[in-house]
Structures are given as C-alpha cells and as structure tokens.
Amino acid sequence: MEITCAAVKLTPTATGDLSVRCTKHPDHVSAGDPVHEARVGVFPVRWTDAR
C-alpha cells in the first residue's frame, strides 16, 4: 500500500528539469482535492491532472 500519491510531474529548475512526486495521501483526488503538491527545496510545486 502506498503512503503517498503516485502522481509525478517534471518541473523546471535552474539546473534542468526535475521529477517531483506528490506528497499528499493516495486518495486525495477521489476525496475531492484535485491539486497535487510537492516541494523543491523550499519552493512549492502544485499541479492538477490533465483532463
């Protein structure tokens, strides 16, 4: 069983693209929270799934 969401996104950084993974619980999208969230250092990265 996963303890965090499996959503992954490439986000641009000063040194190139970096793959980040959502840190929310696995069922947050089905519970009505469509926004995934991760951090690159102190910077938040937020995205939604493409529809």
N, C-alpha and C. Protein backbone atom coordinates (compact mmCIF):
# COMPACT_ATOMS: atom_id res chain seq x y z
N MET A 1 0.84 -1.19 0.00
CA MET A 1 0.00 0.00 0.00
C MET A 1 0.88 1.25 0.00
N GLU A 2 0.58 2.17 -0.89
CA GLU A 2 1.35 3.41 -0.97
C GLU A 2 0.94 4.36 0.15
N ILE A 3 1.88 5.10 0.70
CA ILE A 3 1.55 6.07 1.74
C ILE A 3 1.44 7.48 1.18
N THR A 4 1.89 7.69 -0.07
CA THR A 4 1.72 8.98 -0.73
C THR A 4 1.17 8.75 -2.13
N CYS A 5 0.65 9.79 -2.70
CA CYS A 5 0.09 9.76 -4.05
C CYS A 5 1.17 9.39 -5.06
N ALA A 6 0.78 8.69 -6.12
CA ALA A 6 1.75 8.24 -7.13
C ALA A 6 1.96 9.25 -8.26
N ALA A 7 1.29 10.41 -8.22
CA ALA A 7 1.41 11.40 -9.29
C ALA A 7 2.82 11.99 -9.33
N VAL A 8 3.34 12.10 -10.55
CA VAL A 8 4.70 12.62 -10.77
C VAL A 8 4.62 13.71 -11.83
N LYS A 9 5.46 14.74 -11.68
CA LYS A 9 5.50 15.86 -12.63
C LYS A 9 6.94 16.28 -12.85
N LEU A 10 7.26 16.65 -14.09
CA LEU A 10 8.56 17.28 -14.37
C LEU A 10 8.40 18.77 -14.16
N THR A 11 9.27 19.35 -13.38
CA THR A 11 9.21 20.79 -13.13
C THR A 11 10.55 21.42 -13.46
N PRO A 12 10.54 22.58 -14.09
CA PRO A 12 11.81 23.22 -14.46
C PRO A 12 12.52 23.81 -13.24
N THR A 13 13.83 23.67 -13.21
CA THR A 13 14.66 24.30 -12.18
C THR A 13 15.82 25.00 -12.89
N ALA A 14 16.62 25.71 -12.13
CA ALA A 14 17.75 26.43 -12.70
C ALA A 14 18.78 25.48 -13.32
N THR A 15 18.82 24.24 -12.84
CA THR A 15 19.81 23.28 -13.34
C THR A 15 19.20 22.23 -14.26
N GLY A 16 17.96 22.43 -14.68
CA GLY A 16 17.30 21.48 -15.58
C GLY A 16 16.00 20.96 -14.98
N ASP A 17 15.31 20.14 -15.74
CA ASP A 17 14.04 19.57 -15.26
C ASP A 17 14.28 18.57 -14.14
N LEU A 18 13.36 18.57 -13.19
CA LEU A 18 13.44 17.67 -12.04
C LEU A 18 12.10 16.97 -11.88
N SER A 19 12.13 15.67 -11.65
CA SER A 19 10.91 14.91 -11.43
C SER A 19 10.54 15.01 -9.95
N VAL A 20 9.30 15.43 -9.68
CA VAL A 20 8.83 15.52 -8.29
C VAL A 20 7.59 14.64 -8.14
N ARG A 21 7.37 14.12 -6.94
CA ARG A 21 6.24 13.25 -6.66
C ARG A 21 5.34 13.91 -5.61
N CYS A 22 4.04 13.79 -5.81
CA CYS A 22 3.06 14.35 -4.89
C CYS A 22 3.25 13.75 -3.49
N THR A 23 3.18 14.60 -2.48
CA THR A 23 3.38 14.15 -1.10
C THR A 23 2.08 14.00 -0.32
N LYS A 24 0.94 14.18 -0.98
CA LYS A 24 -0.35 14.02 -0.31
C LYS A 24 -0.72 12.54 -0.22
N HIS A 25 -1.77 12.24 0.56
CA HIS A 25 -2.19 10.85 0.72
C HIS A 25 -2.74 10.30 -0.61
N PRO A 26 -2.71 8.99 -0.80
CA PRO A 26 -3.05 8.40 -2.09
C PRO A 26 -4.47 8.67 -2.59
N ASP A 27 -5.42 8.91 -1.72
CA ASP A 27 -6.82 9.06 -2.12
C ASP A 27 -7.29 10.51 -2.18
N HIS A 28 -6.38 11.47 -2.18
CA HIS A 28 -6.81 12.87 -2.11
C HIS A 28 -7.62 13.31 -3.32
N VAL A 29 -7.33 12.79 -4.52
CA VAL A 29 -8.08 13.19 -5.72
C VAL A 29 -9.51 12.65 -5.65
N SER A 30 -9.66 11.40 -5.29
CA SER A 30 -11.01 10.83 -5.20
C SER A 30 -11.81 11.42 -4.04
N ALA A 31 -11.11 12.00 -3.08
CA ALA A 31 -11.79 12.64 -1.94
C ALA A 31 -12.18 14.09 -2.26
N GLY A 32 -11.88 14.55 -3.47
CA GLY A 32 -12.29 15.89 -3.87
C GLY A 32 -11.21 16.95 -3.88
N ASP A 33 -9.96 16.57 -3.65
CA ASP A 33 -8.84 17.51 -3.68
C ASP A 33 -8.01 17.25 -4.93
N PRO A 34 -8.26 17.97 -6.04
CA PRO A 34 -7.60 17.66 -7.31
C PRO A 34 -6.16 18.18 -7.43
N VAL A 35 -5.69 18.95 -6.47
CA VAL A 35 -4.37 19.58 -6.58
C VAL A 35 -3.29 18.69 -5.95
N HIS A 36 -2.32 18.30 -6.77
CA HIS A 36 -1.15 17.56 -6.28
C HIS A 36 -0.16 18.58 -5.74
N GLU A 37 0.69 18.17 -4.81
CA GLU A 37 1.64 19.10 -4.21
C GLU A 37 2.96 18.40 -3.88
N ALA A 38 4.06 19.09 -4.17
CA ALA A 38 5.40 18.60 -3.85
C ALA A 38 6.24 19.82 -3.47
N ARG A 39 7.50 19.60 -3.15
CA ARG A 39 8.42 20.70 -2.83
C ARG A 39 9.75 20.44 -3.51
N VAL A 40 10.33 21.52 -4.00
CA VAL A 40 11.71 21.50 -4.49
C VAL A 40 12.44 22.47 -3.57
N GLY A 41 13.15 21.92 -2.61
CA GLY A 41 13.73 22.76 -1.56
C GLY A 41 12.61 23.42 -0.78
N VAL A 42 12.62 24.73 -0.72
CA VAL A 42 11.56 25.46 -0.01
C VAL A 42 10.43 25.89 -0.94
N PHE A 43 10.55 25.60 -2.23
CA PHE A 43 9.57 26.05 -3.21
C PHE A 43 8.45 25.03 -3.42
N PRO A 44 7.20 25.45 -3.28
CA PRO A 44 6.09 24.52 -3.53
C PRO A 44 5.86 24.33 -5.02
N VAL A 45 5.49 23.12 -5.39
CA VAL A 45 5.11 22.78 -6.76
C VAL A 45 3.71 22.21 -6.68
N ARG A 46 2.76 22.82 -7.39
CA ARG A 46 1.37 22.35 -7.38
C ARG A 46 0.91 22.14 -8.80
N TRP A 47 0.10 21.07 -9.02
CA TRP A 47 -0.44 20.82 -10.34
C TRP A 47 -1.70 19.97 -10.21
N THR A 48 -2.46 19.94 -11.29
CA THR A 48 -3.63 19.06 -11.39
C THR A 48 -3.42 18.14 -12.57
N ASP A 49 -4.14 17.03 -12.57
CA ASP A 49 -4.06 16.09 -13.69
C ASP A 49 -4.67 16.71 -14.94
N ALA A 50 -4.08 16.44 -16.08
CA ALA A 50 -4.65 16.91 -17.35
C ALA A 50 -5.93 16.13 -17.63
N ARG A 51 -6.92 16.82 -18.16
CA ARG A 51 -8.19 16.13 -18.44
C ARG A 51 -8.42 16.05 -19.88
